Amino acid sequence: MVPFILVTVLFFVWGIPNNLNDVLIRHFMKSFEISRFQAGLVQSAFYMGYFVLAIPAALLMKRVGYKAGFVIGLLLFELAIIFSGPPLHSATITLY
């Protein structure tokens, strides 16, 4: 039962930022004063990650196993959040 609850919670943890993407981009346009084209690039980069990393993630899971691949994915997610902090606090997008 614990693995089921853990996987369910993690899907919500990954799903909420995915659903907030459109809302956040509108706020980025106001906060960072970016154009609609630049906002489109932000959204494109978000979904391009799924396209570009699908095969490497599958190869990683095949090599290290499903559980280790899951943990590595969570660690990469955490790393992205850590690197997103400084630009969000400085109110400039040039740090990316």
C-alpha atoms as a PDB file:
ATOM      1  CA  MET A   1       0.000   0.000   0.000  1.00  0.00           C
ATOM      2  CA  VAL A   2       2.881   2.380   0.762  1.00  0.00           C
ATOM      3  CA  PRO A   3       4.337   2.197  -2.790  1.00  0.00           C
ATOM      4  CA  PHE A   4       0.891   2.924  -4.240  1.00  0.00           C
ATOM      5  CA  ILE A   5       0.466   5.989  -2.014  1.00  0.00           C
ATOM      6  CA  LEU A   6       3.997   7.182  -2.816  1.00  0.00           C
ATOM      7  CA  VAL A   7       3.493   6.886  -6.575  1.00  0.00           C
ATOM      8  CA  THR A   8       0.088   8.596  -6.348  1.00  0.00           C
ATOM      9  CA  VAL A   9       1.539  11.517  -4.386  1.00  0.00           C
ATOM     10  CA  LEU A  10       4.455  11.825  -6.809  1.00  0.00           C
ATOM     11  CA  PHE A  11       2.099  11.995  -9.785  1.00  0.00           C
ATOM     12  CA  PHE A  12       0.370  14.912  -8.089  1.00  0.00           C
ATOM     13  CA  VAL A  13       3.750  16.534  -7.357  1.00  0.00           C
ATOM     14  CA  TRP A  14       4.658  16.293 -11.057  1.00  0.00           C
ATOM     15  CA  GLY A  15       1.151  17.042 -12.328  1.00  0.00           C
ATOM     16  CA  ILE A  16       0.541  20.276 -10.436  1.00  0.00           C
ATOM     17  CA  PRO A  17       3.510  22.162 -11.983  1.00  0.00           C
ATOM     18  CA  ASN A  18       2.493  20.814 -15.384  1.00  0.00           C
ATOM     19  CA  ASN A  19      -1.016  22.204 -14.985  1.00  0.00           C
ATOM     20  CA  LEU A  20       0.254  25.508 -13.580  1.00  0.00           C
ATOM     21  CA  ASN A  21       2.551  26.039 -16.558  1.00  0.00           C
ATOM     22  CA  ASP A  22       0.090  28.196 -18.523  1.00  0.00           C
ATOM     23  CA  VAL A  23      -0.785  30.297 -15.482  1.00  0.00           C
ATOM     24  CA  LEU A  24       2.861  30.805 -14.552  1.00  0.00           C
ATOM     25  CA  ILE A  25       3.814  31.863 -18.066  1.00  0.00           C
ATOM     26  CA  ARG A  26       1.301  34.729 -17.895  1.00  0.00           C
ATOM     27  CA  HIS A  27       2.856  35.837 -14.624  1.00  0.00           C
ATOM     28  CA  PHE A  28       6.339  35.515 -16.144  1.00  0.00           C
ATOM     29  CA  MET A  29       5.257  37.796 -18.971  1.00  0.00           C
ATOM     30  CA  LYS A  30       4.316  40.486 -16.442  1.00  0.00           C
ATOM     31  CA  SER A  31       7.140  39.962 -13.931  1.00  0.00           C
ATOM     32  CA  PHE A  32      10.014  39.538 -16.365  1.00  0.00           C
ATOM     33  CA  GLU A  33       8.554  41.798 -19.061  1.00  0.00           C
ATOM     34  CA  ILE A  34       8.977  39.200 -21.785  1.00  0.00           C
ATOM     35  CA  SER A  35       7.199  39.159 -25.117  1.00  0.00           C
ATOM     36  CA  ARG A  36       4.635  36.595 -26.212  1.00  0.00           C
ATOM     37  CA  PHE A  37       7.327  34.991 -28.391  1.00  0.00           C
ATOM     38  CA  GLN A  38       9.666  34.587 -25.407  1.00  0.00           C
ATOM     39  CA  ALA A  39       6.778  33.215 -23.346  1.00  0.00           C
ATOM     40  CA  GLY A  40       6.158  30.708 -26.121  1.00  0.00           C
ATOM     41  CA  LEU A  41       9.807  29.685 -25.943  1.00  0.00           C
ATOM     42  CA  VAL A  42       9.416  29.028 -22.216  1.00  0.00           C
ATOM     43  CA  GLN A  43       6.447  26.764 -22.865  1.00  0.00           C
ATOM     44  CA  SER A  44       8.207  25.084 -25.790  1.00  0.00           C
ATOM     45  CA  ALA A  45      11.259  24.387 -23.632  1.00  0.00           C
ATOM     46  CA  PHE A  46       9.023  22.855 -20.963  1.00  0.00           C
ATOM     47  CA  TYR A  47       7.414  20.374 -23.337  1.00  0.00           C
ATOM     48  CA  MET A  48      10.583  19.836 -25.392  1.00  0.00           C
ATOM     49  CA  GLY A  49      12.118  18.314 -22.270  1.00  0.00           C
ATOM     50  CA  TYR A  50       9.632  15.450 -22.484  1.00  0.00           C
ATOM     51  CA  PHE A  51      10.512  14.865 -26.131  1.00  0.00           C
ATOM     52  CA  VAL A  52      14.294  15.120 -25.771  1.00  0.00           C
ATOM     53  CA  LEU A  53      14.665  13.138 -22.553  1.00  0.00           C
ATOM     54  CA  ALA A  54      12.228  10.278 -23.196  1.00  0.00           C
ATOM     55  CA  ILE A  55      14.765   7.954 -24.845  1.00  0.00           C
ATOM     56  CA  PRO A  56      17.657   8.698 -22.424  1.00  0.00           C
ATOM     57  CA  ALA A  57      15.289   8.167 -19.481  1.00  0.00           C
ATOM     58  CA  ALA A  58      14.152   4.840 -20.909  1.00  0.00           C
ATOM     59  CA  LEU A  59      17.754   3.738 -21.401  1.00  0.00           C
ATOM     60  CA  LEU A  60      18.615   4.821 -17.860  1.00  0.00           C
ATOM     61  CA  MET A  61      15.697   2.852 -16.421  1.00  0.00           C
ATOM     62  CA  LYS A  62      16.685  -0.176 -18.464  1.00  0.00           C
ATOM     63  CA  ARG A  63      20.225   0.061 -17.096  1.00  0.00           C
ATOM     64  CA  VAL A  64      19.645   0.896 -13.401  1.00  0.00           C
ATOM     65  CA  GLY A  65      16.075  -0.289 -12.865  1.00  0.00           C
ATOM     66  CA  TYR A  66      12.729   1.344 -12.383  1.00  0.00           C
ATOM     67  CA  LYS A  67      13.176   2.406  -8.744  1.00  0.00           C
ATOM     68  CA  ALA A  68      16.614   3.945  -9.246  1.00  0.00           C
ATOM     69  CA  GLY A  69      15.382   5.699 -12.393  1.00  0.00           C
ATOM     70  CA  PHE A  70      12.468   7.098 -10.420  1.00  0.00           C
ATOM     71  CA  VAL A  71      14.807   8.409  -7.702  1.00  0.00           C
ATOM     72  CA  ILE A  72      17.168   9.926 -10.276  1.00  0.00           C
ATOM     73  CA  GLY A  73      14.198  11.668 -11.894  1.00  0.00           C
ATOM     74  CA  LEU A  74      13.168  13.117  -8.542  1.00  0.00           C
ATOM     75  CA  LEU A  75      16.702  14.317  -7.868  1.00  0.00           C
ATOM     76  CA  LEU A  76      16.840  16.007 -11.274  1.00  0.00           C
ATOM     77  CA  PHE A  77      13.472  17.619 -10.534  1.00  0.00           C
ATOM     78  CA  GLU A  78      14.865  18.936  -7.239  1.00  0.00           C
ATOM     79  CA  LEU A  79      17.999  20.203  -8.977  1.00  0.00           C
ATOM     80  CA  ALA A  80      15.871  22.144 -11.465  1.00  0.00           C
ATOM     81  CA  ILE A  81      13.931  23.725  -8.604  1.00  0.00           C
ATOM     82  CA  ILE A  82      17.165  24.753  -6.872  1.00  0.00           C
ATOM     83  CA  PHE A  83      18.532  26.348 -10.052  1.00  0.00           C
ATOM     84  CA  SER A  84      15.225  28.143 -10.652  1.00  0.00           C
ATOM     85  CA  GLY A  85      15.442  29.963  -7.328  1.00  0.00           C
ATOM     86  CA  PRO A  86      18.021  32.700  -8.034  1.00  0.00           C
ATOM     87  CA  PRO A  87      16.412  34.015 -11.254  1.00  0.00           C
ATOM     88  CA  LEU A  88      12.998  34.075  -9.603  1.00  0.00           C
ATOM     89  CA  HIS A  89      14.297  36.111  -6.683  1.00  0.00           C
ATOM     90  CA  SER A  90      16.260  38.531  -8.838  1.00  0.00           C
ATOM     91  CA  ALA A  91      13.260  39.276 -11.129  1.00  0.00           C
ATOM     92  CA  THR A  92      15.346  38.865 -14.275  1.00  0.00           C
ATOM     93  CA  ILE A  93      15.319  36.056 -16.780  1.00  0.00           C
ATOM     94  CA  THR A  94      18.864  36.691 -18.031  1.00  0.00           C
ATOM     95  CA  LEU A  95      20.373  34.405 -15.359  1.00  0.00           C
ATOM     96  CA  TYR A  96      19.085  31.399 -17.284  1.00  0.00           C
END
